[in-house]
PDB file of N, CA and C in Angstrom:
ATOM      1  N   UNK A   1     -18.277  -6.650 -20.150  1.00  0.00           N
ATOM      2  CA  UNK A   1     -17.149  -6.816 -19.260  1.00  0.00           C
ATOM      3  C   UNK A   1     -17.645  -6.627 -17.816  1.00  0.00           C
ATOM      4  N   UNK A   2     -17.074  -7.481 -16.946  1.00  0.00           N
ATOM      5  CA  UNK A   2     -17.395  -7.521 -15.442  1.00  0.00           C
ATOM      6  C   UNK A   2     -16.745  -6.276 -14.755  1.00  0.00           C
ATOM      7  N   UNK A   3     -17.810  -5.432 -14.416  1.00  0.00           N
ATOM      8  CA  UNK A   3     -17.394  -4.259 -13.729  1.00  0.00           C
ATOM      9  C   UNK A   3     -16.691  -4.468 -12.310  1.00  0.00           C
ATOM     10  N   UNK A   4     -17.126  -5.430 -11.547  1.00  0.00           N
ATOM     11  CA  UNK A   4     -16.288  -5.819 -10.351  1.00  0.00           C
ATOM     12  C   UNK A   4     -14.976  -6.387 -10.570  1.00  0.00           C
ATOM     13  N   UNK A   5     -14.798  -6.882 -11.504  1.00  0.00           N
ATOM     14  CA  UNK A   5     -13.584  -7.561 -11.903  1.00  0.00           C
ATOM     15  C   UNK A   5     -12.525  -6.462 -12.403  1.00  0.00           C
ATOM     16  N   UNK A   6     -13.049  -5.473 -13.084  1.00  0.00           N
ATOM     17  CA  UNK A   6     -12.184  -4.426 -13.580  1.00  0.00           C
ATOM     18  C   UNK A   6     -11.880  -3.556 -12.336  1.00  0.00           C
ATOM     19  N   UNK A   7     -12.904  -3.299 -11.367  1.00  0.00           N
ATOM     20  CA  UNK A   7     -12.511  -2.614 -10.130  1.00  0.00           C
ATOM     21  C   UNK A   7     -11.322  -3.418  -9.325  1.00  0.00           C
ATOM     22  N   UNK A   8     -11.541  -4.535  -9.237  1.00  0.00           N
ATOM     23  CA  UNK A   8     -10.639  -5.437  -8.445  1.00  0.00           C
ATOM     24  C   UNK A   8      -9.187  -5.296  -8.974  1.00  0.00           C
ATOM     25  N   UNK A   9      -9.171  -5.249 -10.437  1.00  0.00           N
ATOM     26  CA  UNK A   9      -7.756  -5.194 -11.050  1.00  0.00           C
ATOM     27  C   UNK A   9      -7.126  -3.682 -10.798  1.00  0.00           C
ATOM     28  N   UNK A  10      -8.061  -2.795 -10.800  1.00  0.00           N
ATOM     29  CA  UNK A  10      -7.612  -1.410 -10.539  1.00  0.00           C
ATOM     30  C   UNK A  10      -7.063  -1.337  -9.010  1.00  0.00           C
ATOM     31  N   UNK A  11      -7.859  -1.881  -8.228  1.00  0.00           N
ATOM     32  CA  UNK A  11      -7.289  -1.907  -6.753  1.00  0.00           C
ATOM     33  C   UNK A  11      -5.951  -2.559  -6.613  1.00  0.00           C
ATOM     34  N   UNK A  12      -5.971  -3.808  -7.171  1.00  0.00           N
ATOM     35  CA  UNK A  12      -4.599  -4.729  -7.148  1.00  0.00           C
ATOM     36  C   UNK A  12      -3.499  -3.894  -7.667  1.00  0.00           C
ATOM     37  N   UNK A  13      -3.638  -3.016  -8.812  1.00  0.00           N
ATOM     38  CA  UNK A  13      -2.734  -2.187  -9.460  1.00  0.00           C
ATOM     39  C   UNK A  13      -2.051  -1.333  -8.447  1.00  0.00           C
ATOM     40  N   UNK A  14      -2.850  -0.607  -7.531  1.00  0.00           N
ATOM     41  CA  UNK A  14      -2.533   0.425  -6.695  1.00  0.00           C
ATOM     42  C   UNK A  14      -2.225   0.000  -5.212  1.00  0.00           C
ATOM     43  N   UNK A  15      -2.416  -1.300  -4.970  1.00  0.00           N
ATOM     44  CA  UNK A  15      -2.304  -1.828  -3.613  1.00  0.00           C
ATOM     45  C   UNK A  15      -0.683  -1.663  -2.903  1.00  0.00           C
ATOM     46  N   UNK A  16       0.084  -1.755  -3.645  1.00  0.00           N
ATOM     47  CA  UNK A  16       1.459  -1.740  -3.199  1.00  0.00           C
ATOM     48  C   UNK A  16       1.686  -0.201  -2.786  1.00  0.00           C
ATOM     49  N   UNK A  17       1.256   0.591  -3.667  1.00  0.00           N
ATOM     50  CA  UNK A  17       1.386   2.154  -3.343  1.00  0.00           C
ATOM     51  C   UNK A  17       0.625   2.534  -2.220  1.00  0.00           C
ATOM     52  N   UNK A  18      -0.585   1.967  -1.898  1.00  0.00           N
ATOM     53  CA  UNK A  18      -1.418   2.334  -0.735  1.00  0.00           C
ATOM     54  C   UNK A  18      -0.726   1.908   0.412  1.00  0.00           C
ATOM     55  N   UNK A  19      -0.048   0.656   0.437  1.00  0.00           N
ATOM     56  CA  UNK A  19       0.481   0.151   1.564  1.00  0.00           C
ATOM     57  C   UNK A  19       1.700   1.002   1.987  1.00  0.00           C
ATOM     58  N   UNK A  20       2.492   1.398   1.009  1.00  0.00           N
ATOM     59  CA  UNK A  20       3.714   2.429   1.336  1.00  0.00           C
ATOM     60  C   UNK A  20       3.077   3.695   1.861  1.00  0.00           C
ATOM     61  N   UNK A  21       2.009   4.133   1.352  1.00  0.00           N
ATOM     62  CA  UNK A  21       1.541   5.397   1.832  1.00  0.00           C
ATOM     63  C   UNK A  21       0.994   5.334   3.164  1.00  0.00           C
ATOM     64  N   UNK A  22       0.371   4.309   3.713  1.00  0.00           N
ATOM     65  CA  UNK A  22       0.018   3.859   5.031  1.00  0.00           C
ATOM     66  C   UNK A  22       1.135   3.872   6.038  1.00  0.00           C
ATOM     67  N   UNK A  23       2.236   3.096   5.608  1.00  0.00           N
ATOM     68  CA  UNK A  23       3.492   2.937   6.408  1.00  0.00           C
ATOM     69  C   UNK A  23       4.145   4.283   6.508  1.00  0.00           C
ATOM     70  N   UNK A  24       4.133   5.162   5.557  1.00  0.00           N
ATOM     71  CA  UNK A  24       4.726   6.362   5.613  1.00  0.00           C
ATOM     72  C   UNK A  24       4.190   7.377   6.657  1.00  0.00           C
ATOM     73  N   UNK A  25       2.975   7.092   7.025  1.00  0.00           N
ATOM     74  CA  UNK A  25       2.393   8.055   8.104  1.00  0.00           C
ATOM     75  C   UNK A  25       2.940   7.673   9.474  1.00  0.00           C
ATOM     76  N   UNK A  26       3.028   6.177   9.602  1.00  0.00           N
ATOM     77  CA  UNK A  26       3.620   5.742  10.898  1.00  0.00           C
ATOM     78  C   UNK A  26       3.919   4.398  10.727  1.00  0.00           C
ATOM     79  N   UNK A  27       4.859   3.859  11.580  1.00  0.00           N
ATOM     80  CA  UNK A  27       5.176   2.412  11.564  1.00  0.00           C
ATOM     81  C   UNK A  27       3.991   1.701  11.788  1.00  0.00           C
ATOM     82  N   UNK A  28       3.644   0.597  11.249  1.00  0.00           N
ATOM     83  CA  UNK A  28       2.531  -0.148  11.309  1.00  0.00           C
ATOM     84  C   UNK A  28       2.760  -1.669  11.194  1.00  0.00           C
ATOM     85  N   UNK A  29       1.803  -2.466  11.590  1.00  0.00           N
ATOM     86  CA  UNK A  29       1.852  -3.888  11.421  1.00  0.00           C
ATOM     87  C   UNK A  29       0.659  -4.345  10.591  1.00  0.00           C
ATOM     88  N   UNK A  30       0.801  -5.616  10.145  1.00  0.00           N
ATOM     89  CA  UNK A  30      -0.040  -6.088   8.893  1.00  0.00           C
ATOM     90  C   UNK A  30      -1.471  -6.020   9.310  1.00  0.00           C
ATOM     91  N   UNK A  31      -2.067  -6.384  10.519  1.00  0.00           N
ATOM     92  CA  UNK A  31      -3.512  -6.368  10.548  1.00  0.00           C
ATOM     93  C   UNK A  31      -4.044  -4.941  10.626  1.00  0.00           C
ATOM     94  N   UNK A  32      -3.199  -3.979  11.153  1.00  0.00           N
ATOM     95  CA  UNK A  32      -3.535  -2.625  11.121  1.00  0.00           C
ATOM     96  C   UNK A  32      -3.648  -2.059   9.700  1.00  0.00           C
ATOM     97  N   UNK A  33      -2.668  -2.620   8.856  1.00  0.00           N
ATOM     98  CA  UNK A  33      -2.626  -1.971   7.571  1.00  0.00           C
ATOM     99  C   UNK A  33      -3.868  -2.600   6.750  1.00  0.00           C
ATOM    100  N   UNK A  34      -4.198  -3.841   7.089  1.00  0.00           N
ATOM    101  CA  UNK A  34      -5.353  -4.430   6.464  1.00  0.00           C
ATOM    102  C   UNK A  34      -6.593  -3.771   6.867  1.00  0.00           C
ATOM    103  N   UNK A  35      -6.810  -3.409   8.212  1.00  0.00           N
ATOM    104  CA  UNK A  35      -7.908  -2.639   8.595  1.00  0.00           C
ATOM    105  C   UNK A  35      -7.883  -1.208   7.931  1.00  0.00           C
ATOM    106  N   UNK A  36      -6.872  -0.611   7.765  1.00  0.00           N
ATOM    107  CA  UNK A  36      -6.933   0.854   7.162  1.00  0.00           C
ATOM    108  C   UNK A  36      -7.343   0.492   5.687  1.00  0.00           C
ATOM    109  N   UNK A  37      -6.847  -0.497   5.013  1.00  0.00           N
ATOM    110  CA  UNK A  37      -7.296  -0.667   3.650  1.00  0.00           C
ATOM    111  C   UNK A  37      -8.923  -1.094   3.520  1.00  0.00           C
ATOM    112  N   UNK A  38      -9.343  -1.728   4.410  1.00  0.00           N
ATOM    113  CA  UNK A  38     -10.784  -2.246   4.431  1.00  0.00           C
ATOM    114  C   UNK A  38     -11.564  -0.891   4.688  1.00  0.00           C
ATOM    115  N   UNK A  39     -11.107  -0.125   5.586  1.00  0.00           N
ATOM    116  CA  UNK A  39     -11.832   1.051   6.017  1.00  0.00           C
ATOM    117  C   UNK A  39     -12.010   2.043   4.885  1.00  0.00           C
ATOM    118  N   UNK A  40     -10.979   1.936   3.878  1.00  0.00           N
ATOM    119  CA  UNK A  40     -11.093   2.741   2.634  1.00  0.00           C
ATOM    120  C   UNK A  40     -11.670   2.094   1.542  1.00  0.00           C
ATOM    121  N   UNK A  41     -12.297   0.856   1.832  1.00  0.00           N
ATOM    122  CA  UNK A  41     -13.033  -0.016   0.866  1.00  0.00           C
ATOM    123  C   UNK A  41     -12.007  -0.642  -0.181  1.00  0.00           C
ATOM    124  N   UNK A  42     -10.718  -0.758   0.288  1.00  0.00           N
ATOM    125  CA  UNK A  42      -9.772  -1.462  -0.607  1.00  0.00           C
ATOM    126  C   UNK A  42      -9.781  -2.797  -0.153  1.00  0.00           C
ATOM    127  N   UNK A  43     -10.791  -3.536  -0.377  1.00  0.00           N
ATOM    128  CA  UNK A  43     -11.072  -5.021   0.216  1.00  0.00           C
ATOM    129  C   UNK A  43      -9.653  -5.972  -0.023  1.00  0.00           C
ATOM    130  N   UNK A  44      -9.182  -6.317   1.070  1.00  0.00           N
ATOM    131  CA  UNK A  44      -8.034  -7.035   0.908  1.00  0.00           C
ATOM    132  C   UNK A  44      -8.085  -8.358   1.998  1.00  0.00           C
ATOM    133  N   UNK A  45      -7.392  -9.394   1.728  1.00  0.00           N
ATOM    134  CA  UNK A  45      -7.334 -10.504   2.737  1.00  0.00           C
ATOM    135  C   UNK A  45      -5.768 -10.477   3.283  1.00  0.00           C
ATOM    136  N   UNK A  46      -5.666 -11.261   4.354  1.00  0.00           N
ATOM    137  CA  UNK A  46      -4.272 -11.253   4.811  1.00  0.00           C
ATOM    138  C   UNK A  46      -3.318 -11.930   3.941  1.00  0.00           C
ATOM    139  N   UNK A  47      -3.698 -12.956   3.128  1.00  0.00           N
ATOM    140  CA  UNK A  47      -3.050 -13.633   2.168  1.00  0.00           C
ATOM    141  C   UNK A  47      -2.324 -12.653   0.956  1.00  0.00           C
ATOM    142  N   UNK A  48      -3.048 -11.662   0.882  1.00  0.00           N
ATOM    143  CA  UNK A  48      -2.617 -10.666  -0.068  1.00  0.00           C
ATOM    144  C   UNK A  48      -1.495  -9.824   0.316  1.00  0.00           C
ATOM    145  N   UNK A  49      -1.725  -9.280   1.507  1.00  0.00           N
ATOM    146  CA  UNK A  49      -0.699  -8.303   2.129  1.00  0.00           C
ATOM    147  C   UNK A  49       0.595  -8.812   2.306  1.00  0.00           C
ATOM    148  N   UNK A  50       0.757 -10.012   2.984  1.00  0.00           N
ATOM    149  CA  UNK A  50       2.072 -10.502   3.525  1.00  0.00           C
ATOM    150  C   UNK A  50       3.213 -10.654   2.390  1.00  0.00           C
ATOM    151  N   UNK A  51       2.845 -11.259   1.260  1.00  0.00           N
ATOM    152  CA  UNK A  51       3.685 -11.203   0.213  1.00  0.00           C
ATOM    153  C   UNK A  51       4.144  -9.850  -0.443  1.00  0.00           C
ATOM    154  N   UNK A  52       3.320  -9.029  -0.413  1.00  0.00           N
ATOM    155  CA  UNK A  52       3.505  -7.646  -0.807  1.00  0.00           C
ATOM    156  C   UNK A  52       4.563  -6.963   0.294  1.00  0.00           C
ATOM    157  N   UNK A  53       4.253  -7.129   1.457  1.00  0.00           N
ATOM    158  CA  UNK A  53       5.182  -6.599   2.551  1.00  0.00           C
ATOM    159  C   UNK A  53       6.604  -7.315   2.431  1.00  0.00           C
ATOM    160  N   UNK A  54       6.506  -8.503   2.132  1.00  0.00           N
ATOM    161  CA  UNK A  54       7.731  -9.390   2.054  1.00  0.00           C
ATOM    162  C   UNK A  54       8.721  -8.857   0.778  1.00  0.00           C
ATOM    163  N   UNK A  55       7.794  -8.495  -0.305  1.00  0.00           N
ATOM    164  CA  UNK A  55       8.628  -8.113  -1.539  1.00  0.00           C
ATOM    165  C   UNK A  55       9.263  -6.701  -1.356  1.00  0.00           C
ATOM    166  N   UNK A  56       8.324  -5.880  -0.714  1.00  0.00           N
ATOM    167  CA  UNK A  56       8.814  -4.417  -0.371  1.00  0.00           C
ATOM    168  C   UNK A  56      10.031  -4.522   0.584  1.00  0.00           C
ATOM    169  N   UNK A  57       9.964  -5.403   1.658  1.00  0.00           N
ATOM    170  CA  UNK A  57      11.086  -5.618   2.356  1.00  0.00           C
ATOM    171  C   UNK A  57      12.417  -6.018   1.683  1.00  0.00           C
ATOM    172  N   UNK A  58      12.142  -7.024   0.785  1.00  0.00           N
ATOM    173  CA  UNK A  58      13.407  -7.616   0.157  1.00  0.00           C
ATOM    174  C   UNK A  58      13.943  -6.566  -0.823  1.00  0.00           C
ATOM    175  N   UNK A  59      13.076  -5.623  -1.296  1.00  0.00           N
ATOM    176  CA  UNK A  59      13.539  -4.606  -2.219  1.00  0.00           C
ATOM    177  C   UNK A  59      14.209  -3.454  -1.569  1.00  0.00           C
ATOM    178  N   UNK A  60      14.198  -3.534  -0.411  1.00  0.00           N
ATOM    179  CA  UNK A  60      14.891  -2.494   0.471  1.00  0.00           C
ATOM    180  C   UNK A  60      14.045  -1.249   0.814  1.00  0.00           C
ATOM    181  N   UNK A  61      12.759  -1.304   0.509  1.00  0.00           N
ATOM    182  CA  UNK A  61      11.705  -0.342   0.705  1.00  0.00           C
ATOM    183  C   UNK A  61      11.227  -0.157   2.266  1.00  0.00           C
ATOM    184  N   UNK A  62      11.191  -1.362   2.839  1.00  0.00           N
ATOM    185  CA  UNK A  62      10.870  -1.484   4.200  1.00  0.00           C
ATOM    186  C   UNK A  62      11.803  -1.970   5.135  1.00  0.00           C
ATOM    187  N   UNK A  63      11.780  -1.732   6.303  1.00  0.00           N
ATOM    188  CA  UNK A  63      12.485  -2.483   7.431  1.00  0.00           C
ATOM    189  C   UNK A  63      11.353  -2.775   8.498  1.00  0.00           C
ATOM    190  N   UNK A  64      11.825  -3.689   9.512  1.00  0.00           N
ATOM    191  CA  UNK A  64      10.795  -3.958  10.531  1.00  0.00           C
ATOM    192  C   UNK A  64      11.413  -4.123  11.973  1.00  0.00           C
ATOM    193  N   UNK A  65      10.668  -3.923  12.829  1.00  0.00           N
ATOM    194  CA  UNK A  65      11.119  -4.378  14.139  1.00  0.00           C
ATOM    195  C   UNK A  65       9.904  -4.997  15.050  1.00  0.00           C
ATOM    196  N   UNK A  66      10.416  -6.011  15.859  1.00  0.00           N
ATOM    197  CA  UNK A  66       9.451  -6.471  16.561  1.00  0.00           C
ATOM    198  C   UNK A  66       9.105  -5.891  17.968  1.00  0.00           C
ATOM    199  N   UNK A  67       7.893  -5.687  18.180  1.00  0.00           N
ATOM    200  CA  UNK A  67       7.408  -5.090  19.510  1.00  0.00           C
ATOM    201  C   UNK A  67       6.469  -5.839  20.220  1.00  0.00           C
ATOM    202  N   UNK A  68       6.498  -5.997  21.505  1.00  0.00           N
ATOM    203  CA  UNK A  68       5.620  -6.820  22.347  1.00  0.00           C
ATOM    204  C   UNK A  68       4.163  -6.034  22.187  1.00  0.00           C
ATOM    205  N   UNK A  69       3.282  -6.955  22.169  1.00  0.00           N
ATOM    206  CA  UNK A  69       1.928  -6.569  22.080  1.00  0.00           C
ATOM    207  C   UNK A  69       1.217  -6.574  23.381  1.00  0.00           C
ATOM    208  N   UNK A  70       0.301  -5.724  23.768  1.00  0.00           N
ATOM    209  CA  UNK A  70      -0.412  -5.809  25.002  1.00  0.00           C
ATOM    210  C   UNK A  70      -1.380  -7.036  24.880  1.00  0.00           C
ATOM    211  N   UNK A  71      -1.777  -7.595  23.730  1.00  0.00           N
ATOM    212  CA  UNK A  71      -2.543  -8.674  23.554  1.00  0.00           C
ATOM    213  C   UNK A  71      -2.001  -9.570  22.583  1.00  0.00           C
ATOM    214  N   UNK A  72      -1.661 -10.799  22.972  1.00  0.00           N
ATOM    215  CA  UNK A  72      -1.176 -11.872  22.103  1.00  0.00           C
ATOM    216  C   UNK A  72       0.287 -11.700  21.794  1.00  0.00           C
ATOM    217  N   UNK A  73       0.796 -12.318  20.730  1.00  0.00           N
ATOM    218  CA  UNK A  73       2.100 -12.462  20.412  1.00  0.00           C
ATOM    219  C   UNK A  73       2.785 -11.119  19.899  1.00  0.00           C
ATOM    220  N   UNK A  74       4.075 -10.953  19.905  1.00  0.00           N
ATOM    221  CA  UNK A  74       4.761  -9.751  19.445  1.00  0.00           C
ATOM    222  C   UNK A  74       4.405  -9.454  18.103  1.00  0.00           C
ATOM    223  N   UNK A  75       4.417  -8.029  17.719  1.00  0.00           N
ATOM    224  CA  UNK A  75       4.005  -7.537  16.389  1.00  0.00           C
ATOM    225  C   UNK A  75       5.189  -7.102  15.537  1.00  0.00           C
ATOM    226  N   UNK A  76       5.145  -7.328  14.235  1.00  0.00           N
ATOM    227  CA  UNK A  76       6.116  -6.918  13.416  1.00  0.00           C
ATOM    228  C   UNK A  76       5.727  -5.589  12.881  1.00  0.00           C
ATOM    229  N   UNK A  77       6.496  -4.397  13.254  1.00  0.00           N
ATOM    230  CA  UNK A  77       6.029  -3.169  12.875  1.00  0.00           C
ATOM    231  C   UNK A  77       7.017  -2.783  11.709  1.00  0.00           C
ATOM    232  N   UNK A  78       6.405  -2.369  10.608  1.00  0.00           N
ATOM    233  CA  UNK A  78       7.084  -2.125   9.431  1.00  0.00           C
ATOM    234  C   UNK A  78       7.248  -0.523   9.189  1.00  0.00           C
ATOM    235  N   UNK A  79       8.400  -0.065   8.686  1.00  0.00           N
ATOM    236  CA  UNK A  79       8.496   1.329   8.564  1.00  0.00           C
ATOM    237  C   UNK A  79       9.401   1.565   7.151  1.00  0.00           C
ATOM    238  N   UNK A  80       9.241   2.617   6.495  1.00  0.00           N
ATOM    239  CA  UNK A  80       9.933   2.913   5.370  1.00  0.00           C
ATOM    240  C   UNK A  80      11.341   3.244   5.559  1.00  0.00           C
ATOM    241  N   UNK A  81      12.217   2.658   4.682  1.00  0.00           N
ATOM    242  CA  UNK A  81      13.719   3.092   4.590  1.00  0.00           C
ATOM    243  C   UNK A  81      13.726   4.315   3.744  1.00  0.00           C
ATOM    244  N   UNK A  82      14.906   4.942   3.636  1.00  0.00           N
ATOM    245  CA  UNK A  82      15.110   6.130   2.925  1.00  0.00           C
ATOM    246  C   UNK A  82      14.786   5.885   1.388  1.00  0.00           C
ATOM    247  N   UNK A  83      15.143   4.626   0.943  1.00  0.00           N
ATOM    248  CA  UNK A  83      14.878   4.204  -0.431  1.00  0.00           C
ATOM    249  C   UNK A  83      13.339   4.065  -0.610  1.00  0.00           C
ATOM    250  N   UNK A  84      12.630   3.551   0.492  1.00  0.00           N
ATOM    251  CA  UNK A  84      11.211   3.475   0.502  1.00  0.00           C
ATOM    252  C   UNK A  84      10.540   4.777   0.267  1.00  0.00           C
ATOM    253  N   UNK A  85      11.137   5.845   1.121  1.00  0.00           N
ATOM    254  CA  UNK A  85      10.583   7.160   0.874  1.00  0.00           C
ATOM    255  C   UNK A  85      10.784   7.706  -0.402  1.00  0.00           C
ATOM    256  N   UNK A  86      11.913   7.477  -1.054  1.00  0.00           N
ATOM    257  CA  UNK A  86      12.073   7.938  -2.424  1.00  0.00           C
ATOM    258  C   UNK A  86      11.208   7.070  -3.487  1.00  0.00           C
ATOM    259  N   UNK A  87      11.011   5.949  -3.214  1.00  0.00           N
ATOM    260  CA  UNK A  87      10.176   5.232  -4.171  1.00  0.00           C
ATOM    261  C   UNK A  87       8.703   5.765  -4.021  1.00  0.00           C
ATOM    262  N   UNK A  88       8.270   6.028  -2.819  1.00  0.00           N
ATOM    263  CA  UNK A  88       6.908   6.496  -2.570  1.00  0.00           C
ATOM    264  C   UNK A  88       6.834   7.948  -3.176  1.00  0.00           C
ATOM    265  N   UNK A  89       7.770   8.756  -3.224  1.00  0.00           N
ATOM    266  CA  UNK A  89       7.705  10.073  -3.817  1.00  0.00           C
ATOM    267  C   UNK A  89       7.581   9.885  -5.284  1.00  0.00           C
ATOM    268  N   UNK A  90       8.264   8.795  -5.901  1.00  0.00           N
ATOM    269  CA  UNK A  90       8.300   8.604  -7.188  1.00  0.00           C
ATOM    270  C   UNK A  90       6.849   8.227  -7.579  1.00  0.00           C
ATOM    271  N   UNK A  91       6.304   7.335  -6.797  1.00  0.00           N
ATOM    272  CA  UNK A  91       4.859   6.784  -7.009  1.00  0.00           C
ATOM    273  C   UNK A  91       3.810   7.869  -6.910  1.00  0.00           C
ATOM    274  N   UNK A  92       4.082   8.862  -5.985  1.00  0.00           N
ATOM    275  CA  UNK A  92       3.208  10.046  -5.803  1.00  0.00           C
ATOM    276  C   UNK A  92       3.238  10.881  -7.199  1.00  0.00           C
ATOM    277  N   UNK A  93       4.315  11.046  -7.784  1.00  0.00           N
ATOM    278  CA  UNK A  93       4.513  11.872  -8.886  1.00  0.00           C
ATOM    279  C   UNK A  93       3.793  11.110 -10.053  1.00  0.00           C
ATOM    280  N   UNK A  94       3.935   9.664 -10.201  1.00  0.00           N
ATOM    281  CA  UNK A  94       3.304   8.920 -11.173  1.00  0.00           C
ATOM    282  C   UNK A  94       1.894   9.116 -11.060  1.00  0.00           C
ATOM    283  N   UNK A  95       1.293   8.879  -9.822  1.00  0.00           N
ATOM    284  CA  UNK A  95      -0.080   8.863  -9.482  1.00  0.00           C
ATOM    285  C   UNK A  95      -0.589  10.286 -10.066  1.00  0.00           C
ATOM    286  N   UNK A  96      -0.025  11.393  -9.743  1.00  0.00           N
ATOM    287  CA  UNK A  96      -0.527  12.644  -9.867  1.00  0.00           C
ATOM    288  C   UNK A  96      -0.549  12.800 -11.594  1.00  0.00           C
ATOM    289  N   UNK A  97       0.440  12.493 -12.195  1.00  0.00           N
ATOM    290  CA  UNK A  97       0.489  12.505 -13.755  1.00  0.00           C
ATOM    291  C   UNK A  97      -0.561  11.653 -14.332  1.00  0.00           C
ATOM    292  N   UNK A  98      -0.901  10.544 -13.679  1.00  0.00           N
ATOM    293  CA  UNK A  98      -1.918   9.629 -14.234  1.00  0.00           C
ATOM    294  C   UNK A  98      -3.243  10.200 -14.052  1.00  0.00           C
ATOM    295  N   UNK A  99      -3.509  10.821 -12.978  1.00  0.00           N
ATOM    296  CA  UNK A  99      -4.776  11.406 -12.578  1.00  0.00           C
ATOM    297  C   UNK A  99      -5.025  12.482 -13.740  1.00  0.00           C
ATOM    298  N   UNK A 100      -3.882  13.321 -13.869  1.00  0.00           N
ATOM    299  CA  UNK A 100      -4.062  14.420 -14.763  1.00  0.00           C
ATOM    300  C   UNK A 100      -4.266  13.995 -16.178  1.00  0.00           C
ATOM    301  N   UNK A 101      -3.668  12.836 -16.725  1.00  0.00           N
ATOM    302  CA  UNK A 101      -3.917  12.338 -17.964  1.00  0.00           C
ATOM    303  C   UNK A 101      -5.242  11.648 -18.094  1.00  0.00           C
ATOM    304  N   UNK A 102      -5.770  11.070 -17.122  1.00  0.00           N
ATOM    305  CA  UNK A 102      -7.055  10.571 -17.150  1.00  0.00           C
ATOM    306  C   UNK A 102      -8.063  11.617 -17.157  1.00  0.00           C
ATOM    307  N   UNK A 103      -7.815  12.810 -16.402  1.00  0.00           N
ATOM    308  CA  UNK A 103      -8.739  14.022 -16.604  1.00  0.00           C
ATOM    309  C   UNK A 103      -8.802  14.637 -18.069  1.00  0.00           C
ATOM    310  N   UNK A 104      -7.560  14.552 -18.644  1.00  0.00           N
ATOM    311  CA  UNK A 104      -7.574  15.013 -19.982  1.00  0.00           C
ATOM    312  C   UNK A 104      -8.429  14.237 -20.909  1.00  0.00           C
ATOM    313  N   UNK A 105      -8.223  12.951 -20.781  1.00  0.00           N
ATOM    314  CA  UNK A 105      -8.980  11.981 -21.660  1.00  0.00           C
ATOM    315  C   UNK A 105     -10.487  12.178 -21.283  1.00  0.00           C
ATOM    316  N   UNK A 106     -10.892  12.100 -20.062  1.00  0.00           N
ATOM    317  CA  UNK A 106     -12.284  12.157 -19.738  1.00  0.00           C
ATOM    318  C   UNK A 106     -12.999  13.458 -20.142  1.00  0.00           C
ATOM    319  N   UNK A 107     -12.172  14.427 -20.015  1.00  0.00           N
ATOM    320  CA  UNK A 107     -12.808  15.778 -20.374  1.00  0.00           C
ATOM    321  C   UNK A 107     -12.535  16.256 -21.851  1.00  0.00           C
ATOM    322  N   UNK A 108     -11.905  15.384 -22.616  1.00  0.00           N
ATOM    323  CA  UNK A 108     -11.780  15.596 -24.020  1.00  0.00           C
ATOM    324  C   UNK A 108     -10.935  16.883 -24.263  1.00  0.00           C
ATOM    325  N   UNK A 109      -9.970  17.102 -23.434  1.00  0.00           N
ATOM    326  CA  UNK A 109      -9.056  18.426 -23.656  1.00  0.00           C
ATOM    327  C   UNK A 109      -8.045  18.006 -24.624  1.00  0.00           C
TER     328      UNK A 109
END
């Protein structure tokens, strides 16, 4: 089995969760979100993030506003809606449960 492929699939599975977590800290625009994901070694390309942001917006998890940029065109800043905050809290619980379950399996408890 290809280790890198497995790692890529794991990252893909949690990318939507990570995007919501980044936006929860502060309103953000796509290139900044991509930079944070790359800084955390969650390698992504722009073509990956825009459909996710669009899906999350259409699901009512995000809202956005246009803001003038000191350099270049205006930026679309995303922020969480109340529904988005609730969804993120639910994902936080699911993540904590999953980590606990994996630890049980790994430790043979």
